[in-house]
Amino acid sequence: MQHIFPRLTTAVFALLLSASTALAHAFLDTAAPGVGSTITSSPGELQLKFTQNLVLAFSSVQLARAQGGTVATGKPTLDASSPDTLHVSLGRPLAAGTYIVSWKVLSVDTHTTSGTYKFTISP
């Protein structure tokens, strides 16, 4: 009986670990510009890295000024070497101010997630 308990505990732990991995969705892991960051100059693009690989055809990113009004961007592209990372080019430099990034992605696990974050460009 003493030998069964450690094996049973290990089996249950492995089952729980695999279940949590299988049920995971794509959430924003890191971003550039960073979530809540203040930067001194306009970025050339937005980079959003997620916790799972994405399906590009069903993923989108929008940029808006906090005071209102959308900002034109290029279409998101997947990083060729890292399919969990979206790149969004900015057609022109952004003016000083606060911006809101809104994202909606479909991960390879077929679940959609969405969210927003802000960053600021100081004058």
C-alpha atoms as a PDB file:
ATOM      1  CA  MET A   1       0.000   0.000   0.000  1.00  0.00           C
ATOM      2  CA  GLN A   2       2.910   2.353   0.731  1.00  0.00           C
ATOM      3  CA  HIS A   3       4.165   1.969  -2.850  1.00  0.00           C
ATOM      4  CA  ILE A   4       0.780   2.735  -4.414  1.00  0.00           C
ATOM      5  CA  PHE A   5       0.296   6.190  -2.853  1.00  0.00           C
ATOM      6  CA  PRO A   6       3.379   7.861  -4.433  1.00  0.00           C
ATOM      7  CA  ARG A   7       2.517   6.387  -7.826  1.00  0.00           C
ATOM      8  CA  LEU A   8      -1.107   7.466  -7.528  1.00  0.00           C
ATOM      9  CA  THR A   9      -0.053  10.975  -6.492  1.00  0.00           C
ATOM     10  CA  THR A  10       2.329  11.212  -9.444  1.00  0.00           C
ATOM     11  CA  ALA A  11      -0.362   9.990 -11.854  1.00  0.00           C
ATOM     12  CA  VAL A  12      -2.932  12.494 -10.566  1.00  0.00           C
ATOM     13  CA  PHE A  13      -0.415  15.343 -10.752  1.00  0.00           C
ATOM     14  CA  ALA A  14       0.513  14.421 -14.339  1.00  0.00           C
ATOM     15  CA  LEU A  15      -3.166  14.249 -15.312  1.00  0.00           C
ATOM     16  CA  LEU A  16      -3.895  17.666 -13.804  1.00  0.00           C
ATOM     17  CA  LEU A  17      -0.865  19.196 -15.472  1.00  0.00           C
ATOM     18  CA  SER A  18      -1.814  17.865 -18.901  1.00  0.00           C
ATOM     19  CA  ALA A  19      -5.436  18.971 -18.481  1.00  0.00           C
ATOM     20  CA  SER A  20      -4.473  22.541 -17.592  1.00  0.00           C
ATOM     21  CA  THR A  21      -2.162  22.695 -20.612  1.00  0.00           C
ATOM     22  CA  ALA A  22      -4.842  21.379 -22.939  1.00  0.00           C
ATOM     23  CA  LEU A  23      -7.421  23.854 -21.638  1.00  0.00           C
ATOM     24  CA  ALA A  24      -5.161  26.904 -21.903  1.00  0.00           C
ATOM     25  CA  HIS A  25      -6.108  29.760 -24.227  1.00  0.00           C
ATOM     26  CA  ALA A  26      -3.969  32.371 -25.953  1.00  0.00           C
ATOM     27  CA  PHE A  27      -3.457  35.312 -23.631  1.00  0.00           C
ATOM     28  CA  LEU A  28      -1.171  38.273 -24.104  1.00  0.00           C
ATOM     29  CA  ASP A  29       2.232  37.399 -22.670  1.00  0.00           C
ATOM     30  CA  THR A  30       4.342  40.419 -23.632  1.00  0.00           C
ATOM     31  CA  ALA A  31       3.964  43.444 -25.873  1.00  0.00           C
ATOM     32  CA  ALA A  32       6.101  46.179 -27.395  1.00  0.00           C
ATOM     33  CA  PRO A  33       5.441  48.915 -26.522  1.00  0.00           C
ATOM     34  CA  GLY A  34       4.813  47.294 -23.166  1.00  0.00           C
ATOM     35  CA  VAL A  35       1.538  47.179 -21.306  1.00  0.00           C
ATOM     36  CA  GLY A  36       1.156  50.442 -19.370  1.00  0.00           C
ATOM     37  CA  SER A  37       4.555  51.679 -20.533  1.00  0.00           C
ATOM     38  CA  THR A  38       5.645  55.224 -21.303  1.00  0.00           C
ATOM     39  CA  ILE A  39       8.017  55.559 -24.227  1.00  0.00           C
ATOM     40  CA  THR A  40       9.815  58.627 -25.603  1.00  0.00           C
ATOM     41  CA  SER A  41       9.339  58.108 -29.338  1.00  0.00           C
ATOM     42  CA  SER A  42       6.919  56.460 -31.716  1.00  0.00           C
ATOM     43  CA  PRO A  43       7.435  52.743 -32.339  1.00  0.00           C
ATOM     44  CA  GLY A  44       7.646  51.489 -35.911  1.00  0.00           C
ATOM     45  CA  GLU A  45       5.319  48.606 -35.119  1.00  0.00           C
ATOM     46  CA  LEU A  46       3.365  46.876 -32.396  1.00  0.00           C
ATOM     47  CA  GLN A  47       4.485  43.406 -31.296  1.00  0.00           C
ATOM     48  CA  LEU A  48       2.125  41.208 -29.327  1.00  0.00           C
ATOM     49  CA  LYS A  49       3.364  37.849 -28.060  1.00  0.00           C
ATOM     50  CA  PHE A  50       0.774  35.351 -26.833  1.00  0.00           C
ATOM     51  CA  THR A  51       0.890  32.199 -24.738  1.00  0.00           C
ATOM     52  CA  GLN A  52      -0.121  29.987 -27.695  1.00  0.00           C
ATOM     53  CA  ASN A  53       0.304  29.912 -31.451  1.00  0.00           C
ATOM     54  CA  LEU A  54      -2.327  31.883 -33.367  1.00  0.00           C
ATOM     55  CA  VAL A  55      -4.543  31.499 -36.423  1.00  0.00           C
ATOM     56  CA  LEU A  56      -3.826  34.710 -38.346  1.00  0.00           C
ATOM     57  CA  ALA A  57      -6.988  34.670 -40.473  1.00  0.00           C
ATOM     58  CA  PHE A  58      -9.111  35.081 -37.334  1.00  0.00           C
ATOM     59  CA  SER A  59      -6.890  37.439 -35.336  1.00  0.00           C
ATOM     60  CA  SER A  60      -6.976  41.229 -35.320  1.00  0.00           C
ATOM     61  CA  VAL A  61      -5.363  44.239 -33.639  1.00  0.00           C
ATOM     62  CA  GLN A  62      -6.717  47.785 -33.540  1.00  0.00           C
ATOM     63  CA  LEU A  63      -5.070  50.959 -32.295  1.00  0.00           C
ATOM     64  CA  ALA A  64      -6.910  54.048 -31.031  1.00  0.00           C
ATOM     65  CA  ARG A  65      -6.060  57.299 -29.295  1.00  0.00           C
ATOM     66  CA  ALA A  66      -7.306  57.396 -25.701  1.00  0.00           C
ATOM     67  CA  GLN A  67      -9.061  60.705 -26.474  1.00  0.00           C
ATOM     68  CA  GLY A  68     -10.935  58.980 -29.304  1.00  0.00           C
ATOM     69  CA  GLY A  69     -10.328  58.126 -32.915  1.00  0.00           C
ATOM     70  CA  THR A  70      -8.779  55.085 -34.500  1.00  0.00           C
ATOM     71  CA  VAL A  71      -5.237  55.011 -35.840  1.00  0.00           C
ATOM     72  CA  ALA A  72      -4.607  53.404 -39.223  1.00  0.00           C
ATOM     73  CA  THR A  73      -2.285  50.403 -39.073  1.00  0.00           C
ATOM     74  CA  GLY A  74      -1.166  47.639 -41.359  1.00  0.00           C
ATOM     75  CA  LYS A  75      -2.747  44.205 -41.161  1.00  0.00           C
ATOM     76  CA  PRO A  76      -1.292  41.960 -38.475  1.00  0.00           C
ATOM     77  CA  THR A  77       1.277  39.412 -39.596  1.00  0.00           C
ATOM     78  CA  LEU A  78       2.619  36.366 -37.782  1.00  0.00           C
ATOM     79  CA  ASP A  79       6.267  36.166 -36.919  1.00  0.00           C
ATOM     80  CA  ALA A  80       7.703  33.503 -39.241  1.00  0.00           C
ATOM     81  CA  SER A  81       9.908  32.028 -36.520  1.00  0.00           C
ATOM     82  CA  SER A  82       7.394  32.438 -33.693  1.00  0.00           C
ATOM     83  CA  PRO A  83       3.719  31.879 -34.666  1.00  0.00           C
ATOM     84  CA  ASP A  84       2.600  33.117 -31.251  1.00  0.00           C
ATOM     85  CA  THR A  85       3.686  36.692 -32.073  1.00  0.00           C
ATOM     86  CA  LEU A  86       1.758  39.273 -34.077  1.00  0.00           C
ATOM     87  CA  HIS A  87       3.461  42.247 -35.742  1.00  0.00           C
ATOM     88  CA  VAL A  88       1.403  45.304 -36.698  1.00  0.00           C
ATOM     89  CA  SER A  89       3.157  47.971 -38.743  1.00  0.00           C
ATOM     90  CA  LEU A  90       2.410  51.641 -38.187  1.00  0.00           C
ATOM     91  CA  GLY A  91       2.199  53.651 -41.383  1.00  0.00           C
ATOM     92  CA  ARG A  92       3.542  56.823 -39.826  1.00  0.00           C
ATOM     93  CA  PRO A  93       4.929  58.014 -36.500  1.00  0.00           C
ATOM     94  CA  LEU A  94       2.477  58.415 -33.645  1.00  0.00           C
ATOM     95  CA  ALA A  95       2.092  61.769 -31.910  1.00  0.00           C
ATOM     96  CA  ALA A  96       2.613  62.146 -28.175  1.00  0.00           C
ATOM     97  CA  GLY A  97      -0.351  60.841 -26.176  1.00  0.00           C
ATOM     98  CA  THR A  98      -1.951  57.730 -24.796  1.00  0.00           C
ATOM     99  CA  TYR A  99      -2.966  54.876 -27.074  1.00  0.00           C
ATOM    100  CA  ILE A 100      -5.198  51.854 -26.603  1.00  0.00           C
ATOM    101  CA  VAL A 101      -4.346  48.548 -28.267  1.00  0.00           C
ATOM    102  CA  SER A 102      -7.318  46.192 -28.683  1.00  0.00           C
ATOM    103  CA  TRP A 103      -6.681  42.609 -29.742  1.00  0.00           C
ATOM    104  CA  LYS A 104      -8.792  39.593 -30.540  1.00  0.00           C
ATOM    105  CA  VAL A 105      -7.092  36.329 -31.439  1.00  0.00           C
ATOM    106  CA  LEU A 106      -7.943  32.763 -32.271  1.00  0.00           C
ATOM    107  CA  SER A 107      -5.409  30.284 -30.949  1.00  0.00           C
ATOM    108  CA  VAL A 108      -4.625  26.903 -32.404  1.00  0.00           C
ATOM    109  CA  ASP A 109      -6.730  25.387 -29.614  1.00  0.00           C
ATOM    110  CA  THR A 110      -9.738  26.989 -31.443  1.00  0.00           C
ATOM    111  CA  HIS A 111     -10.613  29.388 -28.620  1.00  0.00           C
ATOM    112  CA  THR A 112     -10.960  33.140 -29.098  1.00  0.00           C
ATOM    113  CA  THR A 113      -9.661  35.585 -26.512  1.00  0.00           C
ATOM    114  CA  SER A 114      -9.520  39.366 -26.499  1.00  0.00           C
ATOM    115  CA  GLY A 115      -8.204  42.239 -24.465  1.00  0.00           C
ATOM    116  CA  THR A 116      -6.887  45.780 -24.405  1.00  0.00           C
ATOM    117  CA  TYR A 117      -3.937  47.632 -22.996  1.00  0.00           C
ATOM    118  CA  LYS A 118      -2.590  51.178 -23.000  1.00  0.00           C
ATOM    119  CA  PHE A 119       0.785  52.759 -23.638  1.00  0.00           C
ATOM    120  CA  THR A 120       1.842  56.404 -23.663  1.00  0.00           C
ATOM    121  CA  ILE A 121       4.268  58.363 -25.813  1.00  0.00           C
ATOM    122  CA  SER A 122       5.669  61.246 -23.790  1.00  0.00           C
ATOM    123  CA  PRO A 123       6.149  64.646 -25.460  1.00  0.00           C
END
